[in-house]
Amino acid sequence: MIRKAKIPLLISLTVILIFFTLNLILGFSNIEARSLLYSALLSTLNFILFILCLRISEQKSNKTFLLITMGGIGVRLILVLTAVFISIKFLNVDTLAFIFGLFISYFFHLIYEISIASRGFGK
């Protein structure tokens, strides 16, 4: 399972590097670059929490597995929404760049979450 998670984490690093390359090429402002970095880090943290929930739920009974999986989805959703609210409200971020970066990186992580889940959860 961890081997399957290395690819998305490498892609996360690649997305962060692409954001910084675009920063150099297009000359994003410092606020826009920080916004993209925060959004990519937030999405990566969400993915790492998915991997932890998956790791905990391996080899458990069906009831425990569903409880951890569904509970993990709910907890991760609340954490991400709280972090987005705090980031937009209290950090000096460009809202459009932050939301755009979060959407792109979250989308790529979600594709890999579905891919990992559909292959049998690390089997």
PDB file of N, CA and C in Angstrom:
ATOM      1  N   MET A   1       0.816  -1.188   0.000  1.00  0.00           N
ATOM      2  CA  MET A   1       0.000   0.000   0.000  1.00  0.00           C
ATOM      3  C   MET A   1       0.859   1.250   0.000  1.00  0.00           C
ATOM      4  N   ILE A   2       1.922   1.232   0.804  1.00  0.00           N
ATOM      5  CA  ILE A   2       2.784   2.401   0.865  1.00  0.00           C
ATOM      6  C   ILE A   2       3.471   2.607  -0.475  1.00  0.00           C
ATOM      7  N   ARG A   3       3.818   1.508  -1.152  1.00  0.00           N
ATOM      8  CA  ARG A   3       4.432   1.653  -2.480  1.00  0.00           C
ATOM      9  C   ARG A   3       3.487   2.354  -3.443  1.00  0.00           C
ATOM     10  N   LYS A   4       2.194   2.069  -3.330  1.00  0.00           N
ATOM     11  CA  LYS A   4       1.210   2.719  -4.192  1.00  0.00           C
ATOM     12  C   LYS A   4       1.057   4.191  -3.848  1.00  0.00           C
ATOM     13  N   ALA A   5       1.340   4.550  -2.619  1.00  0.00           N
ATOM     14  CA  ALA A   5       1.197   5.943  -2.190  1.00  0.00           C
ATOM     15  C   ALA A   5       2.393   6.783  -2.592  1.00  0.00           C
ATOM     16  N   LYS A   6       3.502   6.167  -2.960  1.00  0.00           N
ATOM     17  CA  LYS A   6       4.686   6.940  -3.335  1.00  0.00           C
ATOM     18  C   LYS A   6       4.438   7.744  -4.606  1.00  0.00           C
ATOM     19  N   ILE A   7       3.708   7.193  -5.539  1.00  0.00           N
ATOM     20  CA  ILE A   7       3.444   7.893  -6.798  1.00  0.00           C
ATOM     21  C   ILE A   7       2.667   9.180  -6.559  1.00  0.00           C
ATOM     22  N   PRO A   8       1.548   9.153  -5.819  1.00  0.00           N
ATOM     23  CA  PRO A   8       0.848  10.418  -5.567  1.00  0.00           C
ATOM     24  C   PRO A   8       1.678  11.423  -4.785  1.00  0.00           C
ATOM     25  N   LEU A   9       2.490  10.952  -3.866  1.00  0.00           N
ATOM     26  CA  LEU A   9       3.322  11.884  -3.122  1.00  0.00           C
ATOM     27  C   LEU A   9       4.382  12.504  -4.018  1.00  0.00           C
ATOM     28  N   LEU A  10       4.903  11.724  -4.965  1.00  0.00           N
ATOM     29  CA  LEU A  10       5.826  12.289  -5.949  1.00  0.00           C
ATOM     30  C   LEU A  10       5.107  13.281  -6.858  1.00  0.00           C
ATOM     31  N   ILE A  11       3.875  12.980  -7.192  1.00  0.00           N
ATOM     32  CA  ILE A  11       3.097  13.907  -8.004  1.00  0.00           C
ATOM     33  C   ILE A  11       2.827  15.186  -7.211  1.00  0.00           C
ATOM     34  N   SER A  12       2.597  15.058  -5.908  1.00  0.00           N
ATOM     35  CA  SER A  12       2.415  16.250  -5.073  1.00  0.00           C
ATOM     36  C   SER A  12       3.647  17.135  -5.129  1.00  0.00           C
ATOM     37  N   LEU A  13       4.794  16.515  -5.015  1.00  0.00           N
ATOM     38  CA  LEU A  13       6.040  17.269  -5.113  1.00  0.00           C
ATOM     39  C   LEU A  13       6.167  17.904  -6.491  1.00  0.00           C
ATOM     40  N   THR A  14       5.769  17.169  -7.522  1.00  0.00           N
ATOM     41  CA  THR A  14       5.816  17.702  -8.879  1.00  0.00           C
ATOM     42  C   THR A  14       4.872  18.884  -9.039  1.00  0.00           C
ATOM     43  N   VAL A  15       3.674  18.797  -8.474  1.00  0.00           N
ATOM     44  CA  VAL A  15       2.719  19.908  -8.555  1.00  0.00           C
ATOM     45  C   VAL A  15       3.283  21.142  -7.864  1.00  0.00           C
ATOM     46  N   ILE A  16       3.903  20.940  -6.703  1.00  0.00           N
ATOM     47  CA  ILE A  16       4.516  22.067  -5.997  1.00  0.00           C
ATOM     48  C   ILE A  16       5.637  22.673  -6.835  1.00  0.00           C
ATOM     49  N   LEU A  17       6.441  21.813  -7.456  1.00  0.00           N
ATOM     50  CA  LEU A  17       7.514  22.325  -8.323  1.00  0.00           C
ATOM     51  C   LEU A  17       6.962  23.048  -9.547  1.00  0.00           C
ATOM     52  N   ILE A  18       5.854  22.556 -10.090  1.00  0.00           N
ATOM     53  CA  ILE A  18       5.224  23.236 -11.229  1.00  0.00           C
ATOM     54  C   ILE A  18       4.713  24.604 -10.810  1.00  0.00           C
ATOM     55  N   PHE A  19       4.107  24.677  -9.618  1.00  0.00           N
ATOM     56  CA  PHE A  19       3.644  25.972  -9.118  1.00  0.00           C
ATOM     57  C   PHE A  19       4.806  26.959  -8.997  1.00  0.00           C
ATOM     58  N   PHE A  20       5.934  26.485  -8.489  1.00  0.00           N
ATOM     59  CA  PHE A  20       7.078  27.384  -8.351  1.00  0.00           C
ATOM     60  C   PHE A  20       7.710  27.724  -9.703  1.00  0.00           C
ATOM     61  N   THR A  21       7.693  26.786 -10.645  1.00  0.00           N
ATOM     62  CA  THR A  21       8.180  27.077 -11.984  1.00  0.00           C
ATOM     63  C   THR A  21       7.297  28.119 -12.658  1.00  0.00           C
ATOM     64  N   LEU A  22       5.992  27.970 -12.512  1.00  0.00           N
ATOM     65  CA  LEU A  22       5.076  28.979 -13.045  1.00  0.00           C
ATOM     66  C   LEU A  22       5.309  30.321 -12.370  1.00  0.00           C
ATOM     67  N   ASN A  23       5.656  30.275 -11.104  1.00  0.00           N
ATOM     68  CA  ASN A  23       5.971  31.506 -10.392  1.00  0.00           C
ATOM     69  C   ASN A  23       7.162  32.202 -11.036  1.00  0.00           C
ATOM     70  N   LEU A  24       8.174  31.435 -11.371  1.00  0.00           N
ATOM     71  CA  LEU A  24       9.361  32.021 -12.001  1.00  0.00           C
ATOM     72  C   LEU A  24       9.074  32.510 -13.420  1.00  0.00           C
ATOM     73  N   ILE A  25       8.331  31.715 -14.175  1.00  0.00           N
ATOM     74  CA  ILE A  25       8.068  32.054 -15.577  1.00  0.00           C
ATOM     75  C   ILE A  25       7.067  33.200 -15.695  1.00  0.00           C
ATOM     76  N   LEU A  26       5.952  33.085 -15.006  1.00  0.00           N
ATOM     77  CA  LEU A  26       4.887  34.073 -15.145  1.00  0.00           C
ATOM     78  C   LEU A  26       5.020  35.236 -14.182  1.00  0.00           C
ATOM     79  N   GLY A  27       5.898  35.091 -13.228  1.00  0.00           N
ATOM     80  CA  GLY A  27       6.120  36.180 -12.287  1.00  0.00           C
ATOM     81  C   GLY A  27       4.956  36.414 -11.353  1.00  0.00           C
ATOM     82  N   PHE A  28       4.459  35.322 -10.759  1.00  0.00           N
ATOM     83  CA  PHE A  28       3.413  35.486  -9.765  1.00  0.00           C
ATOM     84  C   PHE A  28       3.915  36.376  -8.648  1.00  0.00           C
ATOM     85  N   SER A  29       2.995  37.040  -8.026  1.00  0.00           N
ATOM     86  CA  SER A  29       3.378  37.808  -6.852  1.00  0.00           C
ATOM     87  C   SER A  29       3.700  36.849  -5.717  1.00  0.00           C
ATOM     88  N   ASN A  30       4.338  37.365  -4.700  1.00  0.00           N
ATOM     89  CA  ASN A  30       4.713  36.544  -3.562  1.00  0.00           C
ATOM     90  C   ASN A  30       3.477  35.950  -2.886  1.00  0.00           C
ATOM     91  N   ILE A  31       2.403  36.713  -2.835  1.00  0.00           N
ATOM     92  CA  ILE A  31       1.164  36.237  -2.208  1.00  0.00           C
ATOM     93  C   ILE A  31       0.557  35.089  -3.015  1.00  0.00           C
ATOM     94  N   GLU A  32       0.558  35.201  -4.331  1.00  0.00           N
ATOM     95  CA  GLU A  32       0.008  34.133  -5.168  1.00  0.00           C
ATOM     96  C   GLU A  32       0.842  32.864  -5.049  1.00  0.00           C
ATOM     97  N   ALA A  33       2.150  33.005  -5.020  1.00  0.00           N
ATOM     98  CA  ALA A  33       3.013  31.832  -4.891  1.00  0.00           C
ATOM     99  C   ALA A  33       2.792  31.145  -3.543  1.00  0.00           C
ATOM    100  N   ARG A  34       2.696  31.917  -2.477  1.00  0.00           N
ATOM    101  CA  ARG A  34       2.419  31.339  -1.161  1.00  0.00           C
ATOM    102  C   ARG A  34       1.053  30.667  -1.134  1.00  0.00           C
ATOM    103  N   SER A  35       0.078  31.267  -1.792  1.00  0.00           N
ATOM    104  CA  SER A  35      -1.270  30.689  -1.836  1.00  0.00           C
ATOM    105  C   SER A  35      -1.253  29.330  -2.513  1.00  0.00           C
ATOM    106  N   LEU A  36      -0.535  29.225  -3.624  1.00  0.00           N
ATOM    107  CA  LEU A  36      -0.439  27.943  -4.321  1.00  0.00           C
ATOM    108  C   LEU A  36       0.295  26.909  -3.476  1.00  0.00           C
ATOM    109  N   LEU A  37       1.333  27.334  -2.785  1.00  0.00           N
ATOM    110  CA  LEU A  37       2.072  26.416  -1.924  1.00  0.00           C
ATOM    111  C   LEU A  37       1.191  25.921  -0.782  1.00  0.00           C
ATOM    112  N   TYR A  38       0.473  26.813  -0.116  1.00  0.00           N
ATOM    113  CA  TYR A  38      -0.413  26.415   0.970  1.00  0.00           C
ATOM    114  C   TYR A  38      -1.473  25.437   0.491  1.00  0.00           C
ATOM    115  N   SER A  39      -2.031  25.692  -0.675  1.00  0.00           N
ATOM    116  CA  SER A  39      -3.084  24.810  -1.178  1.00  0.00           C
ATOM    117  C   SER A  39      -2.530  23.429  -1.510  1.00  0.00           C
ATOM    118  N   ALA A  40      -1.346  23.364  -2.107  1.00  0.00           N
ATOM    119  CA  ALA A  40      -0.750  22.067  -2.419  1.00  0.00           C
ATOM    120  C   ALA A  40      -0.387  21.311  -1.147  1.00  0.00           C
ATOM    121  N   LEU A  41       0.108  22.009  -0.147  1.00  0.00           N
ATOM    122  CA  LEU A  41       0.447  21.360   1.117  1.00  0.00           C
ATOM    123  C   LEU A  41      -0.808  20.860   1.838  1.00  0.00           C
ATOM    124  N   LEU A  42      -1.874  21.622   1.780  1.00  0.00           N
ATOM    125  CA  LEU A  42      -3.131  21.209   2.410  1.00  0.00           C
ATOM    126  C   LEU A  42      -3.686  19.952   1.750  1.00  0.00           C
ATOM    127  N   SER A  43      -3.649  19.912   0.442  1.00  0.00           N
ATOM    128  CA  SER A  43      -4.132  18.746  -0.275  1.00  0.00           C
ATOM    129  C   SER A  43      -3.249  17.526  -0.003  1.00  0.00           C
ATOM    130  N   THR A  44      -1.958  17.730   0.078  1.00  0.00           N
ATOM    131  CA  THR A  44      -1.043  16.634   0.378  1.00  0.00           C
ATOM    132  C   THR A  44      -1.274  16.111   1.794  1.00  0.00           C
ATOM    133  N   LEU A  45      -1.508  16.994   2.733  1.00  0.00           N
ATOM    134  CA  LEU A  45      -1.821  16.577   4.103  1.00  0.00           C
ATOM    135  C   LEU A  45      -3.101  15.753   4.137  1.00  0.00           C
ATOM    136  N   ASN A  46      -4.090  16.150   3.375  1.00  0.00           N
ATOM    137  CA  ASN A  46      -5.340  15.393   3.277  1.00  0.00           C
ATOM    138  C   ASN A  46      -5.067  13.989   2.739  1.00  0.00           C
ATOM    139  N   PHE A  47      -4.199  13.879   1.744  1.00  0.00           N
ATOM    140  CA  PHE A  47      -3.868  12.577   1.172  1.00  0.00           C
ATOM    141  C   PHE A  47      -3.116  11.716   2.186  1.00  0.00           C
ATOM    142  N   ILE A  48      -2.225  12.322   2.945  1.00  0.00           N
ATOM    143  CA  ILE A  48      -1.482  11.572   3.954  1.00  0.00           C
ATOM    144  C   ILE A  48      -2.443  11.043   5.021  1.00  0.00           C
ATOM    145  N   LEU A  49      -3.440  11.836   5.390  1.00  0.00           N
ATOM    146  CA  LEU A  49      -4.449  11.359   6.333  1.00  0.00           C
ATOM    147  C   LEU A  49      -5.240  10.191   5.757  1.00  0.00           C
ATOM    148  N   PHE A  50      -5.498  10.213   4.451  1.00  0.00           N
ATOM    149  CA  PHE A  50      -6.156   9.083   3.785  1.00  0.00           C
ATOM    150  C   PHE A  50      -5.302   7.826   3.919  1.00  0.00           C
ATOM    151  N   ILE A  51      -4.012   7.950   3.685  1.00  0.00           N
ATOM    152  CA  ILE A  51      -3.116   6.797   3.778  1.00  0.00           C
ATOM    153  C   ILE A  51      -3.100   6.252   5.208  1.00  0.00           C
ATOM    154  N   LEU A  52      -3.094   7.155   6.199  1.00  0.00           N
ATOM    155  CA  LEU A  52      -3.117   6.699   7.596  1.00  0.00           C
ATOM    156  C   LEU A  52      -4.404   5.955   7.922  1.00  0.00           C
ATOM    157  N   CYS A  53      -5.541   6.483   7.483  1.00  0.00           N
ATOM    158  CA  CYS A  53      -6.818   5.800   7.716  1.00  0.00           C
ATOM    159  C   CYS A  53      -6.837   4.443   7.023  1.00  0.00           C
ATOM    160  N   LEU A  54      -6.295   4.387   5.833  1.00  0.00           N
ATOM    161  CA  LEU A  54      -6.240   3.136   5.091  1.00  0.00           C
ATOM    162  C   LEU A  54      -5.354   2.135   5.808  1.00  0.00           C
ATOM    163  N   ARG A  55      -4.245   2.599   6.297  1.00  0.00           N
ATOM    164  CA  ARG A  55      -3.299   1.734   7.019  1.00  0.00           C
ATOM    165  C   ARG A  55      -3.936   1.182   8.305  1.00  0.00           C
ATOM    166  N   ILE A  56      -4.667   2.034   9.021  1.00  0.00           N
ATOM    167  CA  ILE A  56      -5.313   1.602  10.261  1.00  0.00           C
ATOM    168  C   ILE A  56      -6.418   0.589   9.976  1.00  0.00           C
ATOM    169  N   SER A  57      -7.143   0.772   8.877  1.00  0.00           N
ATOM    170  CA  SER A  57      -8.301  -0.081   8.605  1.00  0.00           C
ATOM    171  C   SER A  57      -7.941  -1.403   7.933  1.00  0.00           C
ATOM    172  N   GLU A  58      -6.683  -1.604   7.578  1.00  0.00           N
ATOM    173  CA  GLU A  58      -6.288  -2.875   6.969  1.00  0.00           C
ATOM    174  C   GLU A  58      -6.449  -4.012   7.964  1.00  0.00           C
ATOM    175  N   GLN A  59      -6.857  -5.159   7.456  1.00  0.00           N
ATOM    176  CA  GLN A  59      -6.985  -6.381   8.254  1.00  0.00           C
ATOM    177  C   GLN A  59      -7.961  -6.236   9.427  1.00  0.00           C
ATOM    178  N   LYS A  60      -8.946  -5.358   9.308  1.00  0.00           N
ATOM    179  CA  LYS A  60      -9.964  -5.196  10.356  1.00  0.00           C
ATOM    180  C   LYS A  60     -11.256  -5.849   9.880  1.00  0.00           C
ATOM    181  N   SER A  61     -12.189  -5.987  10.779  1.00  0.00           N
ATOM    182  CA  SER A  61     -13.494  -6.527  10.405  1.00  0.00           C
ATOM    183  C   SER A  61     -14.208  -5.510   9.504  1.00  0.00           C
ATOM    184  N   ASN A  62     -15.239  -5.974   8.816  1.00  0.00           N
ATOM    185  CA  ASN A  62     -15.969  -5.092   7.900  1.00  0.00           C
ATOM    186  C   ASN A  62     -16.567  -3.889   8.620  1.00  0.00           C
ATOM    187  N   LYS A  63     -17.112  -4.120   9.814  1.00  0.00           N
ATOM    188  CA  LYS A  63     -17.732  -3.037  10.567  1.00  0.00           C
ATOM    189  C   LYS A  63     -16.690  -1.990  10.956  1.00  0.00           C
ATOM    190  N   THR A  64     -15.556  -2.432  11.454  1.00  0.00           N
ATOM    191  CA  THR A  64     -14.488  -1.512  11.849  1.00  0.00           C
ATOM    192  C   THR A  64     -13.923  -0.801  10.629  1.00  0.00           C
ATOM    193  N   PHE A  65     -13.761  -1.542   9.542  1.00  0.00           N
ATOM    194  CA  PHE A  65     -13.249  -0.952   8.305  1.00  0.00           C
ATOM    195  C   PHE A  65     -14.152   0.186   7.825  1.00  0.00           C
ATOM    196  N   LEU A  66     -15.464  -0.067   7.781  1.00  0.00           N
ATOM    197  CA  LEU A  66     -16.396   0.968   7.339  1.00  0.00           C
ATOM    198  C   LEU A  66     -16.423   2.153   8.291  1.00  0.00           C
ATOM    199  N   LEU A  67     -16.352   1.882   9.580  1.00  0.00           N
ATOM    200  CA  LEU A  67     -16.337   2.958  10.564  1.00  0.00           C
ATOM    201  C   LEU A  67     -15.105   3.849  10.381  1.00  0.00           C
ATOM    202  N   ILE A  68     -13.946   3.246  10.210  1.00  0.00           N
ATOM    203  CA  ILE A  68     -12.719   4.019  10.024  1.00  0.00           C
ATOM    204  C   ILE A  68     -12.732   4.747   8.692  1.00  0.00           C
ATOM    205  N   THR A  69     -13.177   4.068   7.636  1.00  0.00           N
ATOM    206  CA  THR A  69     -13.179   4.682   6.309  1.00  0.00           C
ATOM    207  C   THR A  69     -14.152   5.851   6.233  1.00  0.00           C
ATOM    208  N   MET A  70     -15.406   5.628   6.617  1.00  0.00           N
ATOM    209  CA  MET A  70     -16.405   6.696   6.544  1.00  0.00           C
ATOM    210  C   MET A  70     -16.122   7.800   7.557  1.00  0.00           C
ATOM    211  N   GLY A  71     -15.705   7.409   8.748  1.00  0.00           N
ATOM    212  CA  GLY A  71     -15.328   8.412   9.741  1.00  0.00           C
ATOM    213  C   GLY A  71     -14.134   9.230   9.279  1.00  0.00           C
ATOM    214  N   GLY A  72     -13.179   8.551   8.633  1.00  0.00           N
ATOM    215  CA  GLY A  72     -12.011   9.248   8.109  1.00  0.00           C
ATOM    216  C   GLY A  72     -12.378  10.247   7.027  1.00  0.00           C
ATOM    217  N   ILE A  73     -13.319   9.879   6.176  1.00  0.00           N
ATOM    218  CA  ILE A  73     -13.766  10.801   5.135  1.00  0.00           C
ATOM    219  C   ILE A  73     -14.403  12.035   5.767  1.00  0.00           C
ATOM    220  N   GLY A  74     -15.259  11.814   6.746  1.00  0.00           N
ATOM    221  CA  GLY A  74     -15.915  12.944   7.420  1.00  0.00           C
ATOM    222  C   GLY A  74     -14.938  13.834   8.156  1.00  0.00           C
ATOM    223  N   VAL A  75     -14.022  13.230   8.894  1.00  0.00           N
ATOM    224  CA  VAL A  75     -13.033  14.007   9.648  1.00  0.00           C
ATOM    225  C   VAL A  75     -12.124  14.781   8.698  1.00  0.00           C
ATOM    226  N   ARG A  76     -11.678  14.132   7.630  1.00  0.00           N
ATOM    227  CA  ARG A  76     -10.810  14.819   6.654  1.00  0.00           C
ATOM    228  C   ARG A  76     -11.543  15.977   6.000  1.00  0.00           C
ATOM    229  N   LEU A  77     -12.817  15.795   5.673  1.00  0.00           N
ATOM    230  CA  LEU A  77     -13.599  16.865   5.060  1.00  0.00           C
ATOM    231  C   LEU A  77     -13.718  18.061   6.005  1.00  0.00           C
ATOM    232  N   ILE A  78     -14.018  17.791   7.257  1.00  0.00           N
ATOM    233  CA  ILE A  78     -14.130  18.876   8.237  1.00  0.00           C
ATOM    234  C   ILE A  78     -12.786  19.577   8.427  1.00  0.00           C
ATOM    235  N   LEU A  79     -11.701  18.794   8.498  1.00  0.00           N
ATOM    236  CA  LEU A  79     -10.374  19.391   8.654  1.00  0.00           C
ATOM    237  C   LEU A  79      -9.981  20.262   7.464  1.00  0.00           C
ATOM    238  N   VAL A  80     -10.257  19.779   6.258  1.00  0.00           N
ATOM    239  CA  VAL A  80      -9.907  20.557   5.064  1.00  0.00           C
ATOM    240  C   VAL A  80     -10.743  21.830   4.996  1.00  0.00           C
ATOM    241  N   LEU A  81     -12.039  21.736   5.244  1.00  0.00           N
ATOM    242  CA  LEU A  81     -12.880  22.932   5.202  1.00  0.00           C
ATOM    243  C   LEU A  81     -12.478  23.943   6.274  1.00  0.00           C
ATOM    244  N   THR A  82     -12.118  23.449   7.457  1.00  0.00           N
ATOM    245  CA  THR A  82     -11.648  24.338   8.518  1.00  0.00           C
ATOM    246  C   THR A  82     -10.334  24.999   8.117  1.00  0.00           C
ATOM    247  N   ALA A  83      -9.420  24.217   7.554  1.00  0.00           N
ATOM    248  CA  ALA A  83      -8.136  24.769   7.123  1.00  0.00           C
ATOM    249  C   ALA A  83      -8.309  25.784   5.995  1.00  0.00           C
ATOM    250  N   VAL A  84      -9.233  25.524   5.078  1.00  0.00           N
ATOM    251  CA  VAL A  84      -9.503  26.484   4.005  1.00  0.00           C
ATOM    252  C   VAL A  84     -10.048  27.779   4.588  1.00  0.00           C
ATOM    253  N   PHE A  85     -10.998  27.662   5.493  1.00  0.00           N
ATOM    254  CA  PHE A  85     -11.565  28.854   6.121  1.00  0.00           C
ATOM    255  C   PHE A  85     -10.492  29.644   6.865  1.00  0.00           C
ATOM    256  N   ILE A  86      -9.687  28.964   7.663  1.00  0.00           N
ATOM    257  CA  ILE A  86      -8.631  29.644   8.423  1.00  0.00           C
ATOM    258  C   ILE A  86      -7.616  30.282   7.481  1.00  0.00           C
ATOM    259  N   SER A  87      -7.247  29.568   6.429  1.00  0.00           N
ATOM    260  CA  SER A  87      -6.265  30.101   5.476  1.00  0.00           C
ATOM    261  C   SER A  87      -6.774  31.366   4.799  1.00  0.00           C
ATOM    262  N   ILE A  88      -8.015  31.328   4.349  1.00  0.00           N
ATOM    263  CA  ILE A  88      -8.568  32.490   3.644  1.00  0.00           C
ATOM    264  C   ILE A  88      -8.813  33.646   4.613  1.00  0.00           C
ATOM    265  N   LYS A  89      -9.276  33.332   5.810  1.00  0.00           N
ATOM    266  CA  LYS A  89      -9.639  34.381   6.764  1.00  0.00           C
ATOM    267  C   LYS A  89      -8.424  35.020   7.428  1.00  0.00           C
ATOM    268  N   PHE A  90      -7.464  34.211   7.849  1.00  0.00           N
ATOM    269  CA  PHE A  90      -6.403  34.729   8.693  1.00  0.00           C
ATOM    270  C   PHE A  90      -5.024  34.818   8.033  1.00  0.00           C
ATOM    271  N   LEU A  91      -4.788  34.059   6.997  1.00  0.00           N
ATOM    272  CA  LEU A  91      -3.509  34.156   6.311  1.00  0.00           C
ATOM    273  C   LEU A  91      -3.624  35.153   5.170  1.00  0.00           C
ATOM    274  N   ASN A  92      -2.518  35.721   4.815  1.00  0.00           N
ATOM    275  CA  ASN A  92      -2.499  36.672   3.710  1.00  0.00           C
ATOM    276  C   ASN A  92      -2.339  35.897   2.400  1.00  0.00           C
ATOM    277  N   VAL A  93      -3.468  35.352   1.888  1.00  0.00           N
ATOM    278  CA  VAL A  93      -3.435  34.568   0.656  1.00  0.00           C
ATOM    279  C   VAL A  93      -4.338  35.203  -0.383  1.00  0.00           C
ATOM    280  N   ASP A  94      -3.993  34.949  -1.630  1.00  0.00           N
ATOM    281  CA  ASP A  94      -4.853  35.335  -2.736  1.00  0.00           C
ATOM    282  C   ASP A  94      -5.928  34.246  -2.848  1.00  0.00           C
ATOM    283  N   THR A  95      -7.167  34.616  -2.620  1.00  0.00           N
ATOM    284  CA  THR A  95      -8.252  33.640  -2.549  1.00  0.00           C
ATOM    285  C   THR A  95      -8.392  32.850  -3.841  1.00  0.00           C
ATOM    286  N   LEU A  96      -8.331  33.510  -4.975  1.00  0.00           N
ATOM    287  CA  LEU A  96      -8.490  32.827  -6.255  1.00  0.00           C
ATOM    288  C   LEU A  96      -7.357  31.832  -6.492  1.00  0.00           C
ATOM    289  N   ALA A  97      -6.130  32.226  -6.241  1.00  0.00           N
ATOM    290  CA  ALA A  97      -4.985  31.327  -6.432  1.00  0.00           C
ATOM    291  C   ALA A  97      -5.053  30.157  -5.457  1.00  0.00           C
ATOM    292  N   PHE A  98      -5.459  30.427  -4.225  1.00  0.00           N
ATOM    293  CA  PHE A  98      -5.556  29.373  -3.219  1.00  0.00           C
ATOM    294  C   PHE A  98      -6.603  28.337  -3.614  1.00  0.00           C
ATOM    295  N   ILE A  99      -7.784  28.784  -3.992  1.00  0.00           N
ATOM    296  CA  ILE A  99      -8.855  27.864  -4.372  1.00  0.00           C
ATOM    297  C   ILE A  99      -8.490  27.104  -5.648  1.00  0.00           C
ATOM    298  N   PHE A 100      -7.900  27.787  -6.616  1.00  0.00           N
ATOM    299  CA  PHE A 100      -7.481  27.128  -7.858  1.00  0.00           C
ATOM    300  C   PHE A 100      -6.437  26.052  -7.574  1.00  0.00           C
ATOM    301  N   GLY A 101      -5.423  26.395  -6.785  1.00  0.00           N
ATOM    302  CA  GLY A 101      -4.388  25.431  -6.449  1.00  0.00           C
ATOM    303  C   GLY A 101      -4.931  24.256  -5.661  1.00  0.00           C
ATOM    304  N   LEU A 102      -5.833  24.527  -4.740  1.00  0.00           N
ATOM    305  CA  LEU A 102      -6.440  23.464  -3.945  1.00  0.00           C
ATOM    306  C   LEU A 102      -7.273  22.547  -4.834  1.00  0.00           C
ATOM    307  N   PHE A 103      -8.027  23.113  -5.751  1.00  0.00           N
ATOM    308  CA  PHE A 103      -8.845  22.315  -6.655  1.00  0.00           C
ATOM    309  C   PHE A 103      -7.976  21.396  -7.509  1.00  0.00           C
ATOM    310  N   ILE A 104      -6.918  21.925  -8.092  1.00  0.00           N
ATOM    311  CA  ILE A 104      -6.057  21.125  -8.970  1.00  0.00           C
ATOM    312  C   ILE A 104      -5.366  20.016  -8.181  1.00  0.00           C
ATOM    313  N   SER A 105      -4.726  20.348  -7.072  1.00  0.00           N
ATOM    314  CA  SER A 105      -3.991  19.328  -6.326  1.00  0.00           C
ATOM    315  C   SER A 105      -4.937  18.335  -5.655  1.00  0.00           C
ATOM    316  N   TYR A 106      -6.084  18.789  -5.169  1.00  0.00           N
ATOM    317  CA  TYR A 106      -7.063  17.883  -4.561  1.00  0.00           C
ATOM    318  C   TYR A 106      -7.609  16.917  -5.607  1.00  0.00           C
ATOM    319  N   PHE A 107      -7.834  17.398  -6.820  1.00  0.00           N
ATOM    320  CA  PHE A 107      -8.333  16.555  -7.902  1.00  0.00           C
ATOM    321  C   PHE A 107      -7.353  15.430  -8.206  1.00  0.00           C
ATOM    322  N   PHE A 108      -6.056  15.748  -8.313  1.00  0.00           N
ATOM    323  CA  PHE A 108      -5.066  14.711  -8.587  1.00  0.00           C
ATOM    324  C   PHE A 108      -4.966  13.704  -7.445  1.00  0.00           C
ATOM    325  N   HIS A 109      -5.022  14.186  -6.215  1.00  0.00           N
ATOM    326  CA  HIS A 109      -4.978  13.263  -5.089  1.00  0.00           C
ATOM    327  C   HIS A 109      -6.223  12.382  -5.047  1.00  0.00           C
ATOM    328  N   LEU A 110      -7.363  12.942  -5.365  1.00  0.00           N
ATOM    329  CA  LEU A 110      -8.598  12.167  -5.360  1.00  0.00           C
ATOM    330  C   LEU A 110      -8.552  11.057  -6.403  1.00  0.00           C
ATOM    331  N   ILE A 111      -7.980  11.330  -7.552  1.00  0.00           N
ATOM    332  CA  ILE A 111      -7.829  10.288  -8.578  1.00  0.00           C
ATOM    333  C   ILE A 111      -7.013   9.128  -8.026  1.00  0.00           C
ATOM    334  N   TYR A 112      -5.943   9.425  -7.327  1.00  0.00           N
ATOM    335  CA  TYR A 112      -5.116   8.356  -6.775  1.00  0.00           C
ATOM    336  C   TYR A 112      -5.770   7.668  -5.586  1.00  0.00           C
ATOM    337  N   GLU A 113      -6.545   8.371  -4.813  1.00  0.00           N
ATOM    338  CA  GLU A 113      -7.288   7.727  -3.727  1.00  0.00           C
ATOM    339  C   GLU A 113      -8.242   6.692  -4.301  1.00  0.00           C
ATOM    340  N   ILE A 114      -8.959   7.068  -5.335  1.00  0.00           N
ATOM    341  CA  ILE A 114      -9.894   6.142  -5.975  1.00  0.00           C
ATOM    342  C   ILE A 114      -9.143   4.976  -6.598  1.00  0.00           C
ATOM    343  N   SER A 115      -8.003   5.270  -7.214  1.00  0.00           N
ATOM    344  CA  SER A 115      -7.198   4.223  -7.830  1.00  0.00           C
ATOM    345  C   SER A 115      -6.692   3.224  -6.798  1.00  0.00           C
ATOM    346  N   ILE A 116      -6.190   3.719  -5.687  1.00  0.00           N
ATOM    347  CA  ILE A 116      -5.698   2.836  -4.627  1.00  0.00           C
ATOM    348  C   ILE A 116      -6.852   2.033  -4.039  1.00  0.00           C
ATOM    349  N   ALA A 117      -7.978   2.671  -3.805  1.00  0.00           N
ATOM    350  CA  ALA A 117      -9.123   2.006  -3.210  1.00  0.00           C
ATOM    351  C   ALA A 117      -9.691   0.926  -4.150  1.00  0.00           C
ATOM    352  N   SER A 118      -9.682   1.192  -5.441  1.00  0.00           N
ATOM    353  CA  SER A 118     -10.262   0.234  -6.376  1.00  0.00           C
ATOM    354  C   SER A 118      -9.377  -0.980  -6.591  1.00  0.00           C
ATOM    355  N   ARG A 119      -8.102  -0.898  -6.239  1.00  0.00           N
ATOM    356  CA  ARG A 119      -7.195  -2.038  -6.402  1.00  0.00           C
ATOM    357  C   ARG A 119      -7.203  -2.979  -5.209  1.00  0.00           C
ATOM    358  N   GLY A 120      -8.064  -2.753  -4.263  1.00  0.00           N
ATOM    359  CA  GLY A 120      -8.179  -3.682  -3.167  1.00  0.00           C
ATOM    360  C   GLY A 120      -7.483  -3.238  -1.898  1.00  0.00           C
ATOM    361  N   PHE A 121      -7.249  -1.963  -1.728  1.00  0.00           N
ATOM    362  CA  PHE A 121      -6.691  -1.441  -0.487  1.00  0.00           C
ATOM    363  C   PHE A 121      -5.389  -2.114  -0.094  1.00  0.00           C
ATOM    364  N   GLY A 122      -4.437  -2.049  -1.005  1.00  0.00           N
ATOM    365  CA  GLY A 122      -3.092  -2.483  -0.654  1.00  0.00           C
ATOM    366  C   GLY A 122      -2.833  -3.981  -0.790  1.00  0.00           C
ATOM    367  N   LYS A 123      -3.731  -4.712  -1.407  1.00  0.00           N
ATOM    368  CA  LYS A 123      -3.522  -6.160  -1.548  1.00  0.00           C
ATOM    369  C   LYS A 123      -2.682  -6.440  -2.762  1.00  0.00           C
TER     370      LYS A 123
END
